[in-house]
Amino acid sequence: MSDAPACPLCALDHTYADGALWICPDCGHEWSDGDAPTESASVVRDCNGNPLAEGDTVVVIKDLKVKGSSIPLKQGTVIRNIRLVEDDPEHIEGHSDKIKGLVLKTCFLRKA
């Protein structure tokens, strides 16, 4: 077990080999020995290229129409305590003061 590499996603060392693949039972990630770490591919970035994380505050950079609501999101609206969408670096989830349950594209947001 000492020759097993740590998981490139969660960095835990409970990995095991299954044929040609390494498997992490903690996060479910599978990779082969030749795979490059996929960590950089899933970095969520705002319109200026700043990395976003869970719980960050972002600001809307242009007026947006919201599906299912008659209230638009105005430029400068603050979205607090964002959540990242798993396996999708182009979207985040959050709430504004007036609209709950928003899913927004990161190209229309900047980090506050």
PDB file of N, CA and C in Angstrom:
ATOM      1  N   MET A   1       0.819  -1.195   0.000  1.00  0.00           N
ATOM      2  CA  MET A   1       0.000   0.000   0.000  1.00  0.00           C
ATOM      3  C   MET A   1       0.863   1.259   0.000  1.00  0.00           C
ATOM      4  N   SER A   2       2.125   1.146   0.337  1.00  0.00           N
ATOM      5  CA  SER A   2       2.983   2.323   0.409  1.00  0.00           C
ATOM      6  C   SER A   2       3.318   2.882  -0.970  1.00  0.00           C
ATOM      7  N   ASP A   3       3.196   2.055  -2.048  1.00  0.00           N
ATOM      8  CA  ASP A   3       3.515   2.541  -3.380  1.00  0.00           C
ATOM      9  C   ASP A   3       2.311   3.186  -4.072  1.00  0.00           C
ATOM     10  N   ALA A   4       1.160   3.203  -3.449  1.00  0.00           N
ATOM     11  CA  ALA A   4      -0.037   3.805  -4.038  1.00  0.00           C
ATOM     12  C   ALA A   4       0.062   5.328  -3.954  1.00  0.00           C
ATOM     13  N   PRO A   5      -0.180   6.024  -5.076  1.00  0.00           N
ATOM     14  CA  PRO A   5      -0.117   7.491  -5.055  1.00  0.00           C
ATOM     15  C   PRO A   5      -1.343   8.096  -4.374  1.00  0.00           C
ATOM     16  N   ALA A   6      -1.186   9.305  -3.905  1.00  0.00           N
ATOM     17  CA  ALA A   6      -2.317  10.035  -3.336  1.00  0.00           C
ATOM     18  C   ALA A   6      -3.237  10.494  -4.463  1.00  0.00           C
ATOM     19  N   CYS A   7      -4.496  10.652  -4.164  1.00  0.00           N
ATOM     20  CA  CYS A   7      -5.475  11.104  -5.156  1.00  0.00           C
ATOM     21  C   CYS A   7      -5.144  12.533  -5.596  1.00  0.00           C
ATOM     22  N   PRO A   8      -5.109  12.821  -6.906  1.00  0.00           N
ATOM     23  CA  PRO A   8      -4.808  14.187  -7.366  1.00  0.00           C
ATOM     24  C   PRO A   8      -5.914  15.193  -7.070  1.00  0.00           C
ATOM     25  N   LEU A   9      -7.145  14.732  -6.783  1.00  0.00           N
ATOM     26  CA  LEU A   9      -8.231  15.663  -6.495  1.00  0.00           C
ATOM     27  C   LEU A   9      -8.372  15.968  -5.011  1.00  0.00           C
ATOM     28  N   CYS A  10      -8.452  14.920  -4.193  1.00  0.00           N
ATOM     29  CA  CYS A  10      -8.706  15.147  -2.766  1.00  0.00           C
ATOM     30  C   CYS A  10      -7.449  14.998  -1.917  1.00  0.00           C
ATOM     31  N   ALA A  11      -6.351  14.515  -2.479  1.00  0.00           N
ATOM     32  CA  ALA A  11      -5.044  14.379  -1.832  1.00  0.00           C
ATOM     33  C   ALA A  11      -5.040  13.352  -0.702  1.00  0.00           C
ATOM     34  N   LEU A  12      -6.048  12.503  -0.606  1.00  0.00           N
ATOM     35  CA  LEU A  12      -6.045  11.438   0.392  1.00  0.00           C
ATOM     36  C   LEU A  12      -5.307  10.228  -0.160  1.00  0.00           C
ATOM     37  N   ASP A  13      -4.726   9.423   0.712  1.00  0.00           N
ATOM     38  CA  ASP A  13      -3.897   8.312   0.261  1.00  0.00           C
ATOM     39  C   ASP A  13      -4.559   6.948   0.441  1.00  0.00           C
ATOM     40  N   HIS A  14      -5.862   6.877   0.352  1.00  0.00           N
ATOM     41  CA  HIS A  14      -6.579   5.611   0.469  1.00  0.00           C
ATOM     42  C   HIS A  14      -6.813   4.976  -0.898  1.00  0.00           C
ATOM     43  N   THR A  15      -5.992   5.282  -1.876  1.00  0.00           N
ATOM     44  CA  THR A  15      -6.198   4.816  -3.241  1.00  0.00           C
ATOM     45  C   THR A  15      -5.797   3.350  -3.396  1.00  0.00           C
ATOM     46  N   TYR A  16      -6.347   2.730  -4.424  1.00  0.00           N
ATOM     47  CA  TYR A  16      -5.986   1.350  -4.737  1.00  0.00           C
ATOM     48  C   TYR A  16      -6.010   1.165  -6.246  1.00  0.00           C
ATOM     49  N   ALA A  17      -5.271   0.148  -6.708  1.00  0.00           N
ATOM     50  CA  ALA A  17      -5.183  -0.144  -8.139  1.00  0.00           C
ATOM     51  C   ALA A  17      -6.300  -1.100  -8.527  1.00  0.00           C
ATOM     52  N   ASP A  18      -6.875  -0.862  -9.710  1.00  0.00           N
ATOM     53  CA  ASP A  18      -7.881  -1.749 -10.278  1.00  0.00           C
ATOM     54  C   ASP A  18      -7.530  -1.922 -11.749  1.00  0.00           C
ATOM     55  N   GLY A  19      -6.726  -2.903 -12.035  1.00  0.00           N
ATOM     56  CA  GLY A  19      -6.228  -3.084 -13.395  1.00  0.00           C
ATOM     57  C   GLY A  19      -5.232  -1.980 -13.718  1.00  0.00           C
ATOM     58  N   ALA A  20      -5.510  -1.218 -14.763  1.00  0.00           N
ATOM     59  CA  ALA A  20      -4.618  -0.129 -15.169  1.00  0.00           C
ATOM     60  C   ALA A  20      -5.000   1.202 -14.523  1.00  0.00           C
ATOM     61  N   LEU A  21      -6.078   1.240 -13.751  1.00  0.00           N
ATOM     62  CA  LEU A  21      -6.556   2.480 -13.146  1.00  0.00           C
ATOM     63  C   LEU A  21      -6.259   2.525 -11.662  1.00  0.00           C
ATOM     64  N   TRP A  22      -6.066   3.734 -11.150  1.00  0.00           N
ATOM     65  CA  TRP A  22      -6.015   3.989  -9.711  1.00  0.00           C
ATOM     66  C   TRP A  22      -7.369   4.558  -9.325  1.00  0.00           C
ATOM     67  N   ILE A  23      -7.912   4.149  -8.196  1.00  0.00           N
ATOM     68  CA  ILE A  23      -9.236   4.575  -7.757  1.00  0.00           C
ATOM     69  C   ILE A  23      -9.144   5.131  -6.348  1.00  0.00           C
ATOM     70  N   CYS A  24      -9.810   6.269  -6.128  1.00  0.00           N
ATOM     71  CA  CYS A  24      -9.894   6.864  -4.798  1.00  0.00           C
ATOM     72  C   CYS A  24     -11.296   6.582  -4.253  1.00  0.00           C
ATOM     73  N   PRO A  25     -11.430   5.777  -3.186  1.00  0.00           N
ATOM     74  CA  PRO A  25     -12.759   5.478  -2.661  1.00  0.00           C
ATOM     75  C   PRO A  25     -13.400   6.659  -1.935  1.00  0.00           C
ATOM     76  N   ASP A  26     -12.613   7.665  -1.564  1.00  0.00           N
ATOM     77  CA  ASP A  26     -13.149   8.812  -0.835  1.00  0.00           C
ATOM     78  C   ASP A  26     -13.924   9.764  -1.739  1.00  0.00           C
ATOM     79  N   CYS A  27     -13.340  10.092  -2.920  1.00  0.00           N
ATOM     80  CA  CYS A  27     -14.013  11.034  -3.814  1.00  0.00           C
ATOM     81  C   CYS A  27     -14.518  10.378  -5.100  1.00  0.00           C
ATOM     82  N   GLY A  28     -14.117   9.113  -5.360  1.00  0.00           N
ATOM     83  CA  GLY A  28     -14.589   8.409  -6.545  1.00  0.00           C
ATOM     84  C   GLY A  28     -13.805   8.701  -7.808  1.00  0.00           C
ATOM     85  N   HIS A  29     -12.705   9.440  -7.703  1.00  0.00           N
ATOM     86  CA  HIS A  29     -11.904   9.799  -8.872  1.00  0.00           C
ATOM     87  C   HIS A  29     -11.113   8.593  -9.360  1.00  0.00           C
ATOM     88  N   GLU A  30     -11.044   8.419 -10.687  1.00  0.00           N
ATOM     89  CA  GLU A  30     -10.263   7.353 -11.298  1.00  0.00           C
ATOM     90  C   GLU A  30      -9.275   7.960 -12.260  1.00  0.00           C
ATOM     91  N   TRP A  31      -8.032   7.437 -12.295  1.00  0.00           N
ATOM     92  CA  TRP A  31      -7.017   7.946 -13.195  1.00  0.00           C
ATOM     93  C   TRP A  31      -6.002   6.851 -13.465  1.00  0.00           C
ATOM     94  N   SER A  32      -5.252   7.022 -14.553  1.00  0.00           N
ATOM     95  CA  SER A  32      -4.172   6.091 -14.863  1.00  0.00           C
ATOM     96  C   SER A  32      -2.847   6.760 -14.518  1.00  0.00           C
ATOM     97  N   ASP A  33      -1.775   5.997 -14.567  1.00  0.00           N
ATOM     98  CA  ASP A  33      -0.463   6.540 -14.182  1.00  0.00           C
ATOM     99  C   ASP A  33      -0.034   7.700 -15.072  1.00  0.00           C
ATOM    100  N   GLY A  34      -0.417   7.684 -16.345  1.00  0.00           N
ATOM    101  CA  GLY A  34       0.021   8.722 -17.275  1.00  0.00           C
ATOM    102  C   GLY A  34      -0.863   9.958 -17.301  1.00  0.00           C
ATOM    103  N   ASP A  35      -1.967   9.943 -16.582  1.00  0.00           N
ATOM    104  CA  ASP A  35      -2.877  11.086 -16.601  1.00  0.00           C
ATOM    105  C   ASP A  35      -2.272  12.283 -15.893  1.00  0.00           C
ATOM    106  N   ALA A  36      -2.471  13.456 -16.482  1.00  0.00           N
ATOM    107  CA  ALA A  36      -2.074  14.704 -15.821  1.00  0.00           C
ATOM    108  C   ALA A  36      -3.146  15.072 -14.811  1.00  0.00           C
ATOM    109  N   PRO A  37      -2.800  15.766 -13.742  1.00  0.00           N
ATOM    110  CA  PRO A  37      -3.828  16.175 -12.777  1.00  0.00           C
ATOM    111  C   PRO A  37      -4.892  17.034 -13.439  1.00  0.00           C
ATOM    112  N   THR A  38      -6.164  16.775 -13.123  1.00  0.00           N
ATOM    113  CA  THR A  38      -7.275  17.503 -13.733  1.00  0.00           C
ATOM    114  C   THR A  38      -7.709  18.685 -12.881  1.00  0.00           C
ATOM    115  N   GLU A  39      -6.952  18.989 -11.860  1.00  0.00           N
ATOM    116  CA  GLU A  39      -7.324  20.040 -10.928  1.00  0.00           C
ATOM    117  C   GLU A  39      -7.431  21.398 -11.614  1.00  0.00           C
ATOM    118  N   SER A  40      -6.477  21.725 -12.511  1.00  0.00           N
ATOM    119  CA  SER A  40      -6.472  23.038 -13.145  1.00  0.00           C
ATOM    120  C   SER A  40      -7.620  23.191 -14.141  1.00  0.00           C
ATOM    121  N   ALA A  41      -8.131  22.077 -14.691  1.00  0.00           N
ATOM    122  CA  ALA A  41      -9.218  22.147 -15.659  1.00  0.00           C
ATOM    123  C   ALA A  41     -10.536  22.538 -15.000  1.00  0.00           C
ATOM    124  N   SER A  42     -10.681  22.290 -13.719  1.00  0.00           N
ATOM    125  CA  SER A  42     -11.954  22.555 -13.064  1.00  0.00           C
ATOM    126  C   SER A  42     -11.934  23.831 -12.228  1.00  0.00           C
ATOM    127  N   VAL A  43     -10.965  24.701 -12.439  1.00  0.00           N
ATOM    128  CA  VAL A  43     -10.924  25.960 -11.702  1.00  0.00           C
ATOM    129  C   VAL A  43     -11.988  26.887 -12.265  1.00  0.00           C
ATOM    130  N   VAL A  44     -12.831  27.414 -11.394  1.00  0.00           N
ATOM    131  CA  VAL A  44     -13.904  28.318 -11.799  1.00  0.00           C
ATOM    132  C   VAL A  44     -13.355  29.741 -11.742  1.00  0.00           C
ATOM    133  N   ARG A  45     -13.504  30.478 -12.846  1.00  0.00           N
ATOM    134  CA  ARG A  45     -12.962  31.832 -12.926  1.00  0.00           C
ATOM    135  C   ARG A  45     -14.059  32.822 -13.322  1.00  0.00           C
ATOM    136  N   ASP A  46     -13.924  34.066 -12.830  1.00  0.00           N
ATOM    137  CA  ASP A  46     -14.874  35.113 -13.192  1.00  0.00           C
ATOM    138  C   ASP A  46     -14.496  35.721 -14.539  1.00  0.00           C
ATOM    139  N   CYS A  47     -15.167  36.791 -14.939  1.00  0.00           N
ATOM    140  CA  CYS A  47     -14.933  37.404 -16.249  1.00  0.00           C
ATOM    141  C   CYS A  47     -13.532  37.994 -16.381  1.00  0.00           C
ATOM    142  N   ASN A  48     -12.888  38.322 -15.266  1.00  0.00           N
ATOM    143  CA  ASN A  48     -11.534  38.877 -15.289  1.00  0.00           C
ATOM    144  C   ASN A  48     -10.455  37.824 -15.097  1.00  0.00           C
ATOM    145  N   GLY A  49     -10.833  36.574 -14.948  1.00  0.00           N
ATOM    146  CA  GLY A  49      -9.867  35.503 -14.776  1.00  0.00           C
ATOM    147  C   GLY A  49      -9.490  35.220 -13.333  1.00  0.00           C
ATOM    148  N   ASN A  50     -10.155  35.855 -12.376  1.00  0.00           N
ATOM    149  CA  ASN A  50      -9.883  35.602 -10.965  1.00  0.00           C
ATOM    150  C   ASN A  50     -10.552  34.299 -10.547  1.00  0.00           C
ATOM    151  N   PRO A  51      -9.853  33.440  -9.800  1.00  0.00           N
ATOM    152  CA  PRO A  51     -10.478  32.177  -9.367  1.00  0.00           C
ATOM    153  C   PRO A  51     -11.569  32.413  -8.333  1.00  0.00           C
ATOM    154  N   LEU A  52     -12.656  31.668  -8.457  1.00  0.00           N
ATOM    155  CA  LEU A  52     -13.777  31.753  -7.522  1.00  0.00           C
ATOM    156  C   LEU A  52     -13.804  30.504  -6.653  1.00  0.00           C
ATOM    157  N   ALA A  53     -14.269  30.656  -5.413  1.00  0.00           N
ATOM    158  CA  ALA A  53     -14.369  29.540  -4.480  1.00  0.00           C
ATOM    159  C   ALA A  53     -15.737  29.571  -3.824  1.00  0.00           C
ATOM    160  N   GLU A  54     -16.094  28.467  -3.175  1.00  0.00           N
ATOM    161  CA  GLU A  54     -17.353  28.385  -2.435  1.00  0.00           C
ATOM    162  C   GLU A  54     -17.414  29.500  -1.402  1.00  0.00           C
ATOM    163  N   GLY A  55     -18.555  30.183  -1.318  1.00  0.00           N
ATOM    164  CA  GLY A  55     -18.748  31.218  -0.307  1.00  0.00           C
ATOM    165  C   GLY A  55     -18.301  32.600  -0.727  1.00  0.00           C
ATOM    166  N   ASP A  56     -17.718  32.752  -1.913  1.00  0.00           N
ATOM    167  CA  ASP A  56     -17.289  34.076  -2.385  1.00  0.00           C
ATOM    168  C   ASP A  56     -18.492  34.957  -2.678  1.00  0.00           C
ATOM    169  N   THR A  57     -18.221  36.253  -2.810  1.00  0.00           N
ATOM    170  CA  THR A  57     -19.227  37.230  -3.215  1.00  0.00           C
ATOM    171  C   THR A  57     -18.867  37.721  -4.602  1.00  0.00           C
ATOM    172  N   VAL A  58     -19.865  37.767  -5.505  1.00  0.00           N
ATOM    173  CA  VAL A  58     -19.641  38.234  -6.866  1.00  0.00           C
ATOM    174  C   VAL A  58     -20.632  39.339  -7.201  1.00  0.00           C
ATOM    175  N   VAL A  59     -20.322  40.093  -8.258  1.00  0.00           N
ATOM    176  CA  VAL A  59     -21.164  41.201  -8.716  1.00  0.00           C
ATOM    177  C   VAL A  59     -21.498  40.964 -10.182  1.00  0.00           C
ATOM    178  N   VAL A  60     -22.757  41.190 -10.559  1.00  0.00           N
ATOM    179  CA  VAL A  60     -23.213  41.049 -11.940  1.00  0.00           C
ATOM    180  C   VAL A  60     -22.682  42.237 -12.743  1.00  0.00           C
ATOM    181  N   ILE A  61     -22.089  41.987 -13.922  1.00  0.00           N
ATOM    182  CA  ILE A  61     -21.461  43.066 -14.695  1.00  0.00           C
ATOM    183  C   ILE A  61     -22.367  43.659 -15.773  1.00  0.00           C
ATOM    184  N   LYS A  62     -23.520  43.040 -16.063  1.00  0.00           N
ATOM    185  CA  LYS A  62     -24.472  43.621 -17.015  1.00  0.00           C
ATOM    186  C   LYS A  62     -25.873  43.171 -16.655  1.00  0.00           C
ATOM    187  N   ASP A  63     -26.881  43.899 -17.124  1.00  0.00           N
ATOM    188  CA  ASP A  63     -28.276  43.532 -16.857  1.00  0.00           C
ATOM    189  C   ASP A  63     -28.574  42.173 -17.492  1.00  0.00           C
ATOM    190  N   LEU A  64     -29.219  41.302 -16.715  1.00  0.00           N
ATOM    191  CA  LEU A  64     -29.549  39.967 -17.197  1.00  0.00           C
ATOM    192  C   LEU A  64     -31.029  39.685 -17.001  1.00  0.00           C
ATOM    193  N   LYS A  65     -31.655  39.085 -18.022  1.00  0.00           N
ATOM    194  CA  LYS A  65     -33.029  38.614 -17.881  1.00  0.00           C
ATOM    195  C   LYS A  65     -32.981  37.267 -17.172  1.00  0.00           C
ATOM    196  N   VAL A  66     -33.912  37.038 -16.263  1.00  0.00           N
ATOM    197  CA  VAL A  66     -33.959  35.794 -15.501  1.00  0.00           C
ATOM    198  C   VAL A  66     -35.161  34.984 -15.962  1.00  0.00           C
ATOM    199  N   LYS A  67     -34.908  33.751 -16.408  1.00  0.00           N
ATOM    200  CA  LYS A  67     -35.999  32.877 -16.839  1.00  0.00           C
ATOM    201  C   LYS A  67     -36.894  32.571 -15.653  1.00  0.00           C
ATOM    202  N   GLY A  68     -38.186  32.659 -15.861  1.00  0.00           N
ATOM    203  CA  GLY A  68     -39.148  32.338 -14.821  1.00  0.00           C
ATOM    204  C   GLY A  68     -39.404  33.461 -13.847  1.00  0.00           C
ATOM    205  N   SER A  69     -38.866  34.649 -14.124  1.00  0.00           N
ATOM    206  CA  SER A  69     -39.065  35.790 -13.231  1.00  0.00           C
ATOM    207  C   SER A  69     -39.260  37.047 -14.064  1.00  0.00           C
ATOM    208  N   SER A  70     -40.096  37.940 -13.569  1.00  0.00           N
ATOM    209  CA  SER A  70     -40.293  39.208 -14.269  1.00  0.00           C
ATOM    210  C   SER A  70     -39.288  40.257 -13.795  1.00  0.00           C
ATOM    211  N   ILE A  71     -38.500  39.925 -12.786  1.00  0.00           N
ATOM    212  CA  ILE A  71     -37.515  40.852 -12.235  1.00  0.00           C
ATOM    213  C   ILE A  71     -36.154  40.575 -12.869  1.00  0.00           C
ATOM    214  N   PRO A  72     -35.562  41.550 -13.574  1.00  0.00           N
ATOM    215  CA  PRO A  72     -34.225  41.324 -14.141  1.00  0.00           C
ATOM    216  C   PRO A  72     -33.147  41.527 -13.069  1.00  0.00           C
ATOM    217  N   LEU A  73     -31.980  40.946 -13.305  1.00  0.00           N
ATOM    218  CA  LEU A  73     -30.821  41.210 -12.449  1.00  0.00           C
ATOM    219  C   LEU A  73     -30.113  42.417 -13.028  1.00  0.00           C
ATOM    220  N   LYS A  74     -30.028  43.485 -12.274  1.00  0.00           N
ATOM    221  CA  LYS A  74     -29.405  44.713 -12.740  1.00  0.00           C
ATOM    222  C   LYS A  74     -27.898  44.645 -12.579  1.00  0.00           C
ATOM    223  N   GLN A  75     -27.202  45.423 -13.389  1.00  0.00           N
ATOM    224  CA  GLN A  75     -25.757  45.541 -13.263  1.00  0.00           C
ATOM    225  C   GLN A  75     -25.424  46.036 -11.857  1.00  0.00           C
ATOM    226  N   GLY A  76     -24.453  45.400 -11.217  1.00  0.00           N
ATOM    227  CA  GLY A  76     -24.057  45.787  -9.873  1.00  0.00           C
ATOM    228  C   GLY A  76     -24.741  44.992  -8.775  1.00  0.00           C
ATOM    229  N   THR A  77     -25.675  44.088  -9.138  1.00  0.00           N
ATOM    230  CA  THR A  77     -26.332  43.251  -8.133  1.00  0.00           C
ATOM    231  C   THR A  77     -25.310  42.336  -7.484  1.00  0.00           C
ATOM    232  N   VAL A  78     -25.350  42.254  -6.171  1.00  0.00           N
ATOM    233  CA  VAL A  78     -24.403  41.441  -5.418  1.00  0.00           C
ATOM    234  C   VAL A  78     -25.008  40.068  -5.152  1.00  0.00           C
ATOM    235  N   ILE A  79     -24.228  39.032  -5.452  1.00  0.00           N
ATOM    236  CA  ILE A  79     -24.608  37.652  -5.164  1.00  0.00           C
ATOM    237  C   ILE A  79     -23.629  37.162  -4.094  1.00  0.00           C
ATOM    238  N   ARG A  80     -24.146  36.893  -2.891  1.00  0.00           N
ATOM    239  CA  ARG A  80     -23.299  36.487  -1.771  1.00  0.00           C
ATOM    240  C   ARG A  80     -23.344  34.973  -1.573  1.00  0.00           C
ATOM    241  N   ASN A  81     -22.257  34.449  -1.008  1.00  0.00           N
ATOM    242  CA  ASN A  81     -22.178  33.049  -0.603  1.00  0.00           C
ATOM    243  C   ASN A  81     -22.502  32.106  -1.771  1.00  0.00           C
ATOM    244  N   ILE A  82     -21.728  32.204  -2.852  1.00  0.00           N
ATOM    245  CA  ILE A  82     -21.969  31.387  -4.033  1.00  0.00           C
ATOM    246  C   ILE A  82     -21.601  29.929  -3.778  1.00  0.00           C
ATOM    247  N   ARG A  83     -22.180  29.050  -4.570  1.00  0.00           N
ATOM    248  CA  ARG A  83     -21.835  27.636  -4.572  1.00  0.00           C
ATOM    249  C   ARG A  83     -21.391  27.278  -5.982  1.00  0.00           C
ATOM    250  N   LEU A  84     -20.336  26.480  -6.099  1.00  0.00           N
ATOM    251  CA  LEU A  84     -19.831  26.054  -7.394  1.00  0.00           C
ATOM    252  C   LEU A  84     -20.635  24.858  -7.878  1.00  0.00           C
ATOM    253  N   VAL A  85     -20.904  24.807  -9.179  1.00  0.00           N
ATOM    254  CA  VAL A  85     -21.618  23.692  -9.784  1.00  0.00           C
ATOM    255  C   VAL A  85     -20.588  22.617 -10.092  1.00  0.00           C
ATOM    256  N   GLU A  86     -20.807  21.409  -9.580  1.00  0.00           N
ATOM    257  CA  GLU A  86     -19.861  20.319  -9.751  1.00  0.00           C
ATOM    258  C   GLU A  86     -19.710  19.970 -11.228  1.00  0.00           C
ATOM    259  N   ASP A  87     -18.483  19.804 -11.685  1.00  0.00           N
ATOM    260  CA  ASP A  87     -18.139  19.423 -13.060  1.00  0.00           C
ATOM    261  C   ASP A  87     -18.567  20.455 -14.103  1.00  0.00           C
ATOM    262  N   ASP A  88     -18.782  21.702 -13.712  1.00  0.00           N
ATOM    263  CA  ASP A  88     -19.133  22.750 -14.667  1.00  0.00           C
ATOM    264  C   ASP A  88     -18.478  24.060 -14.244  1.00  0.00           C
ATOM    265  N   PRO A  89     -17.295  24.369 -14.792  1.00  0.00           N
ATOM    266  CA  PRO A  89     -16.598  25.593 -14.377  1.00  0.00           C
ATOM    267  C   PRO A  89     -17.188  26.871 -14.954  1.00  0.00           C
ATOM    268  N   GLU A  90     -18.249  26.795 -15.753  1.00  0.00           N
ATOM    269  CA  GLU A  90     -18.843  27.990 -16.345  1.00  0.00           C
ATOM    270  C   GLU A  90     -20.087  28.478 -15.620  1.00  0.00           C
ATOM    271  N   HIS A  91     -20.546  27.778 -14.568  1.00  0.00           N
ATOM    272  CA  HIS A  91     -21.758  28.163 -13.854  1.00  0.00           C
ATOM    273  C   HIS A  91     -21.534  28.168 -12.348  1.00  0.00           C
ATOM    274  N   ILE A  92     -22.263  29.052 -11.656  1.00  0.00           N
ATOM    275  CA  ILE A  92     -22.300  29.071 -10.194  1.00  0.00           C
ATOM    276  C   ILE A  92     -23.758  29.147  -9.760  1.00  0.00           C
ATOM    277  N   GLU A  93     -24.028  28.799  -8.508  1.00  0.00           N
ATOM    278  CA  GLU A  93     -25.370  28.929  -7.943  1.00  0.00           C
ATOM    279  C   GLU A  93     -25.320  29.962  -6.840  1.00  0.00           C
ATOM    280  N   GLY A  94     -26.419  30.703  -6.662  1.00  0.00           N
ATOM    281  CA  GLY A  94     -26.462  31.703  -5.606  1.00  0.00           C
ATOM    282  C   GLY A  94     -27.834  32.335  -5.492  1.00  0.00           C
ATOM    283  N   HIS A  95     -27.933  33.312  -4.598  1.00  0.00           N
ATOM    284  CA  HIS A  95     -29.178  34.023  -4.343  1.00  0.00           C
ATOM    285  C   HIS A  95     -28.899  35.517  -4.375  1.00  0.00           C
ATOM    286  N   SER A  96     -29.827  36.275  -4.956  1.00  0.00           N
ATOM    287  CA  SER A  96     -29.775  37.729  -4.825  1.00  0.00           C
ATOM    288  C   SER A  96     -30.772  38.110  -3.732  1.00  0.00           C
ATOM    289  N   ASP A  97     -30.906  39.396  -3.464  1.00  0.00           N
ATOM    290  CA  ASP A  97     -31.846  39.836  -2.435  1.00  0.00           C
ATOM    291  C   ASP A  97     -33.296  39.534  -2.828  1.00  0.00           C
ATOM    292  N   LYS A  98     -33.609  39.596  -4.140  1.00  0.00           N
ATOM    293  CA  LYS A  98     -34.983  39.433  -4.598  1.00  0.00           C
ATOM    294  C   LYS A  98     -35.275  38.087  -5.242  1.00  0.00           C
ATOM    295  N   ILE A  99     -34.249  37.423  -5.794  1.00  0.00           N
ATOM    296  CA  ILE A  99     -34.454  36.177  -6.531  1.00  0.00           C
ATOM    297  C   ILE A  99     -33.609  35.076  -5.894  1.00  0.00           C
ATOM    298  N   LYS A 100     -34.250  33.973  -5.561  1.00  0.00           N
ATOM    299  CA  LYS A 100     -33.564  32.846  -4.945  1.00  0.00           C
ATOM    300  C   LYS A 100     -33.336  31.746  -5.980  1.00  0.00           C
ATOM    301  N   GLY A 101     -32.316  30.944  -5.776  1.00  0.00           N
ATOM    302  CA  GLY A 101     -32.066  29.786  -6.633  1.00  0.00           C
ATOM    303  C   GLY A 101     -31.564  30.126  -8.022  1.00  0.00           C
ATOM    304  N   LEU A 102     -30.642  31.052  -8.128  1.00  0.00           N
ATOM    305  CA  LEU A 102     -30.101  31.446  -9.421  1.00  0.00           C
ATOM    306  C   LEU A 102     -28.954  30.532  -9.846  1.00  0.00           C
ATOM    307  N   VAL A 103     -28.877  30.241 -11.125  1.00  0.00           N
ATOM    308  CA  VAL A 103     -27.720  29.603 -11.725  1.00  0.00           C
ATOM    309  C   VAL A 103     -27.210  30.587 -12.768  1.00  0.00           C
ATOM    310  N   LEU A 104     -25.984  31.077 -12.564  1.00  0.00           N
ATOM    311  CA  LEU A 104     -25.450  32.147 -13.407  1.00  0.00           C
ATOM    312  C   LEU A 104     -24.180  31.720 -14.112  1.00  0.00           C
ATOM    313  N   LYS A 105     -23.987  32.239 -15.328  1.00  0.00           N
ATOM    314  CA  LYS A 105     -22.744  32.013 -16.054  1.00  0.00           C
ATOM    315  C   LYS A 105     -21.657  32.906 -15.467  1.00  0.00           C
ATOM    316  N   THR A 106     -20.461  32.374 -15.329  1.00  0.00           N
ATOM    317  CA  THR A 106     -19.365  33.123 -14.720  1.00  0.00           C
ATOM    318  C   THR A 106     -18.854  34.245 -15.625  1.00  0.00           C
ATOM    319  N   CYS A 107     -19.166  34.214 -16.912  1.00  0.00           N
ATOM    320  CA  CYS A 107     -18.700  35.272 -17.813  1.00  0.00           C
ATOM    321  C   CYS A 107     -19.441  36.584 -17.565  1.00  0.00           C
ATOM    322  N   PHE A 108     -20.526  36.565 -16.794  1.00  0.00           N
ATOM    323  CA  PHE A 108     -21.278  37.781 -16.456  1.00  0.00           C
ATOM    324  C   PHE A 108     -21.036  38.217 -15.015  1.00  0.00           C
ATOM    325  N   LEU A 109     -20.028  37.660 -14.361  1.00  0.00           N
ATOM    326  CA  LEU A 109     -19.770  37.962 -12.951  1.00  0.00           C
ATOM    327  C   LEU A 109     -18.325  38.374 -12.749  1.00  0.00           C
ATOM    328  N   ARG A 110     -18.115  39.225 -11.749  1.00  0.00           N
ATOM    329  CA  ARG A 110     -16.751  39.526 -11.311  1.00  0.00           C
ATOM    330  C   ARG A 110     -16.697  39.390  -9.807  1.00  0.00           C
ATOM    331  N   LYS A 111     -15.535  39.006  -9.318  1.00  0.00           N
ATOM    332  CA  LYS A 111     -15.349  38.800  -7.885  1.00  0.00           C
ATOM    333  C   LYS A 111     -15.406  40.149  -7.174  1.00  0.00           C
ATOM    334  N   ALA A 112     -16.142  40.206  -6.058  1.00  0.00           N
ATOM    335  CA  ALA A 112     -16.278  41.454  -5.333  1.00  0.00           C
ATOM    336  C   ALA A 112     -15.123  41.666  -4.373  1.00  0.00           C
TER     337      ALA A 112
END
